[in-house]
Protein backbone atom coordinates (compact mmCIF):
# COMPACT_ATOMS: atom_id res chain seq x y z
CA MET A 1 15.59 65.50 -7.76
CA ILE A 2 15.59 67.09 -11.72
CA ILE A 3 17.40 70.71 -11.33
CA ASN A 4 15.89 73.43 -13.11
CA ILE A 5 13.77 71.44 -15.69
CA TYR A 6 10.42 72.89 -15.61
CA HIS A 7 10.07 76.70 -17.29
CA ASN A 8 7.25 78.31 -16.53
CA PRO A 9 5.94 79.83 -20.28
CA ASN A 10 5.08 83.03 -18.88
CA MET A 11 8.72 83.57 -17.55
CA GLY A 12 9.93 83.54 -20.87
CA MET A 13 10.88 86.00 -23.78
CA THR A 14 10.16 85.90 -27.63
CA ALA A 15 13.27 87.23 -29.67
CA ASP A 16 12.25 90.35 -30.00
CA GLY A 17 12.56 90.74 -26.19
CA SER A 18 8.91 90.93 -25.23
CA HIS A 19 7.39 88.81 -22.50
CA ILE A 20 5.52 85.62 -23.58
CA MET A 21 1.99 85.89 -21.76
CA MET A 22 -0.58 82.93 -21.79
CA ASP A 23 -3.59 82.97 -19.69
CA ASP A 24 -4.01 80.46 -16.69
CA THR A 25 -5.94 77.97 -19.05
CA GLN A 26 -2.83 77.75 -21.68
CA VAL A 27 -0.35 77.77 -18.56
CA GLN A 28 -2.36 74.73 -16.51
CA GLU A 29 -2.56 72.68 -20.46
CA HIS A 30 1.29 73.77 -20.95
CA TYR A 31 2.14 72.02 -17.27
CA ASP A 32 -0.14 69.23 -17.63
CA GLU A 33 1.55 68.34 -20.51
CA PHE A 34 5.20 68.55 -19.27
CA PHE A 35 4.18 66.77 -16.04
CA GLU A 36 2.76 64.00 -17.32
CA GLU A 37 5.50 63.51 -20.05
CA VAL A 38 8.03 63.93 -17.30
CA PHE A 39 6.26 61.44 -15.09
CA THR A 40 5.51 58.59 -17.55
CA GLU A 41 8.93 58.84 -19.00
CA LEU A 42 10.70 58.18 -15.17
CA GLU A 43 8.25 55.57 -14.44
CA GLU A 44 8.54 53.71 -17.50
CA LYS A 45 12.30 53.70 -17.43
CA TYR A 46 12.97 53.64 -13.70
CA GLY A 47 10.08 52.71 -11.78
CA GLU A 48 6.86 53.57 -9.99
CA ILE A 49 6.87 57.11 -8.68
CA GLU A 50 4.83 57.28 -5.05
CA GLU A 51 4.89 61.53 -5.71
CA MET A 52 6.21 63.78 -8.12
CA ASN A 53 6.38 67.90 -7.30
CA VAL A 54 7.50 70.65 -9.34
CA CYS A 55 8.42 73.78 -7.88
CA ASP A 56 6.71 77.03 -8.71
CA ASN A 57 9.22 79.40 -6.85
CA LEU A 58 11.51 81.97 -8.70
CA GLY A 59 15.25 81.76 -6.59
CA ASP A 60 17.71 80.03 -8.80
CA HIS A 61 18.07 77.08 -6.26
CA LEU A 62 14.33 75.84 -6.60
CA VAL A 63 12.99 77.40 -9.86
CA GLY A 64 11.73 74.42 -11.96
CA ASN A 65 13.13 71.67 -9.92
CA VAL A 66 11.18 68.46 -10.35
CA TYR A 67 11.20 66.02 -7.05
CA ALA A 68 10.09 62.57 -7.82
CA LYS A 69 10.00 60.05 -5.37
CA PHE A 70 10.37 56.50 -6.21
CA ARG A 71 8.79 53.80 -4.35
CA ARG A 72 12.22 51.89 -4.19
CA GLU A 73 15.93 53.73 -3.93
CA GLU A 74 17.13 51.36 -6.27
CA ASP A 75 14.93 52.87 -8.65
CA ALA A 76 15.66 56.58 -7.63
CA ALA A 77 19.44 55.98 -7.86
CA LYS A 78 19.17 54.00 -11.60
CA ALA A 79 17.04 57.53 -12.66
CA VAL A 80 19.57 59.92 -11.28
CA GLU A 81 22.65 57.58 -12.77
CA ASN A 82 21.06 57.43 -16.25
CA LEU A 83 18.96 61.17 -16.34
CA ASN A 84 22.60 62.73 -16.01
CA ASP A 85 23.33 61.63 -19.17
CA ARG A 86 20.01 63.08 -21.17
CA TRP A 87 18.75 65.90 -22.91
CA PHE A 88 15.49 67.63 -22.08
CA ASN A 89 14.20 70.50 -24.47
CA GLY A 90 17.98 71.36 -25.78
CA SER A 91 19.54 71.15 -22.06
CA PRO A 92 20.89 68.64 -20.24
CA ILE A 93 19.49 66.80 -17.59
CA ARG A 94 21.07 68.02 -14.26
CA ALA A 95 19.36 65.09 -11.59
CA GLU A 96 20.80 64.10 -8.17
CA LEU A 97 19.34 62.50 -4.96
CA SER A 98 17.60 64.83 -2.78
CA PRO A 99 17.62 64.78 0.93
CA VAL A 100 13.61 65.64 1.06
CA THR A 101 11.76 62.63 1.93
CA ASP A 102 8.88 64.18 3.15
CA PHE A 103 7.78 67.07 0.79
CA ARG A 104 4.90 68.20 3.19
CA GLU A 105 7.89 68.94 5.71
CA ALA A 106 9.32 71.01 2.57
CA CYS A 107 6.23 72.63 1.80
CA CYS A 108 5.19 76.61 2.52
CA ARG A 109 1.93 76.40 4.23
CA GLN A 110 1.61 79.84 3.82
CA TYR A 111 1.71 79.47 -0.01
CA GLU A 112 -0.67 76.78 0.16
CA LEU A 113 -3.29 78.93 2.28
CA GLY A 114 -2.34 81.83 -0.40
CA GLU A 115 -0.55 84.13 2.35
CA CYS A 116 2.96 83.70 1.76
CA THR A 117 4.46 87.04 1.73
CA ARG A 118 7.84 86.05 0.47
CA GLY A 119 6.69 85.35 -2.77
CA GLY A 120 8.31 83.21 -5.72
CA PHE A 121 11.41 83.65 -3.51
CA CYS A 122 10.52 81.77 -0.41
CA ASN A 123 12.88 79.24 0.54
CA PHE A 124 10.08 76.67 1.19
CA MET A 125 8.96 74.52 -1.86
CA HIS A 126 5.66 76.10 -3.56
CA LEU A 127 4.12 73.37 -5.31
CA LYS A 128 2.67 73.74 -8.79
CA PRO A 129 -0.64 71.72 -9.27
CA ILE A 130 -1.62 69.41 -11.42
CA SER A 131 -5.29 69.36 -12.84
CA ARG A 132 -7.57 66.71 -11.06
CA GLU A 133 -7.91 64.84 -14.17
CA LEU A 134 -4.48 64.50 -14.83
CA ARG A 135 -3.90 63.66 -11.15
CA ARG A 136 -6.80 60.83 -11.95
CA ARG A 137 -5.31 59.80 -14.64
CA LEU A 138 -2.09 59.58 -13.37
CA TYR A 139 -2.09 58.28 -9.60
CA GLY A 140 -5.32 56.12 -10.53
CA ARG A 141 -4.09 54.09 -12.78
CA LYS A 142 -1.63 52.68 -9.75
CA LYS A 143 -4.71 51.95 -7.37
CA GLN A 144 -6.43 50.16 -10.24
CA ARG A 145 -2.97 47.98 -11.03
CA SER A 146 -2.10 47.22 -7.45
CA ARG A 147 -5.57 46.02 -6.74
CA SER A 148 -4.94 42.28 -6.87
CA ARG A 149 -7.56 39.84 -8.43
CA SER A 150 -7.19 36.65 -6.54
CA PRO A 151 -8.91 36.19 -2.91
CA PRO A 152 -7.18 37.41 -0.10
CA THR A 153 -4.86 34.55 1.45
CA ARG A 154 -5.28 33.69 5.20
CA ARG A 155 -2.44 35.61 6.09
CA ASP A 156 -3.86 38.74 4.54
CA ARG A 157 -6.67 38.69 6.66
CA SER A 158 -6.30 39.64 10.27
CA PRO A 159 -8.79 38.02 13.35
CA ARG A 160 -11.10 40.48 14.75
CA ARG A 161 -10.02 41.07 18.04
CA ARG A 162 -12.17 43.04 21.06
CA SER A 163 -10.44 45.82 22.52
CA ARG A 164 -10.37 44.74 26.33
CA SER A 165 -12.15 46.74 29.01
CA PRO A 166 -10.37 48.61 31.51
CA ARG A 167 -11.26 46.39 34.27
CA GLU A 168 -9.44 43.14 31.88
CA ARG A 169 -6.43 45.88 31.43
CA ARG A 170 -6.70 46.08 35.34
CA ARG A 171 -6.72 42.26 35.93
CA SER A 172 -3.97 41.29 33.14
CA ARG A 173 -1.68 44.23 35.22
CA GLU A 174 -2.34 42.89 38.19
CA ARG A 175 -1.55 39.49 36.91
CA GLY A 176 1.81 40.61 35.71
CA ARG A 177 2.73 41.70 39.21
CA SER A 178 2.14 38.61 40.98
CA GLY A 179 3.98 36.19 39.05
CA ARG A 180 1.09 34.91 37.01
CA TYR A 181 0.89 34.40 33.66
C-alpha cells in the first residue's frame, strides 16, 4: 500500500485560494495518467502486479491510498523497502505492506451500487475506476505475455473423466463397506 499518493485535482486549491475545477473527462484523463505511471513503474521495477486499486475516499486514513497486489510476496516486500526511499510529486512516498488481501471484501458494496450514505468518509474502500481503454492496455498485455507459444505438454492436458452415475457411486460405496476394492 502506498499511503495518500493520489491527489484528486478537484480537491486542490490554487494560489489565490480558489478551488481547481475540472470536468469529469479531464479528471478521468488525469487519473488514468497517474494510474498508468504508478502501475508501470511498480511492475517494471518490482514485479508483476495482479491488481491495483486507488481509494476515492475522503477520510485521512484512506484518501489517495494505492493498493498494489503483486503476484509474489517477495516483490511486494522489495517494493515497500525501496519505495520508502523515493519521492513522488514533491512528497516522500510512504509505503507499507497491507493486511488487505481480498479487495472485494474491503470495498463498499453500497458505493458500487451508487447508494453509500456515508459518502467519502465511509470506512470501506471506494475504488476509483480506470477507463476501459487503460484497463485493456495494462491488464490485457498480461494475457498476451502469459500465453505460451509452445504446444501443451502431456502434463497440461488432463484426461477427460466422465462423472459417475448415482448407481455407480452407490456400488462404489457398497464395495467400500464390504471390504472389496
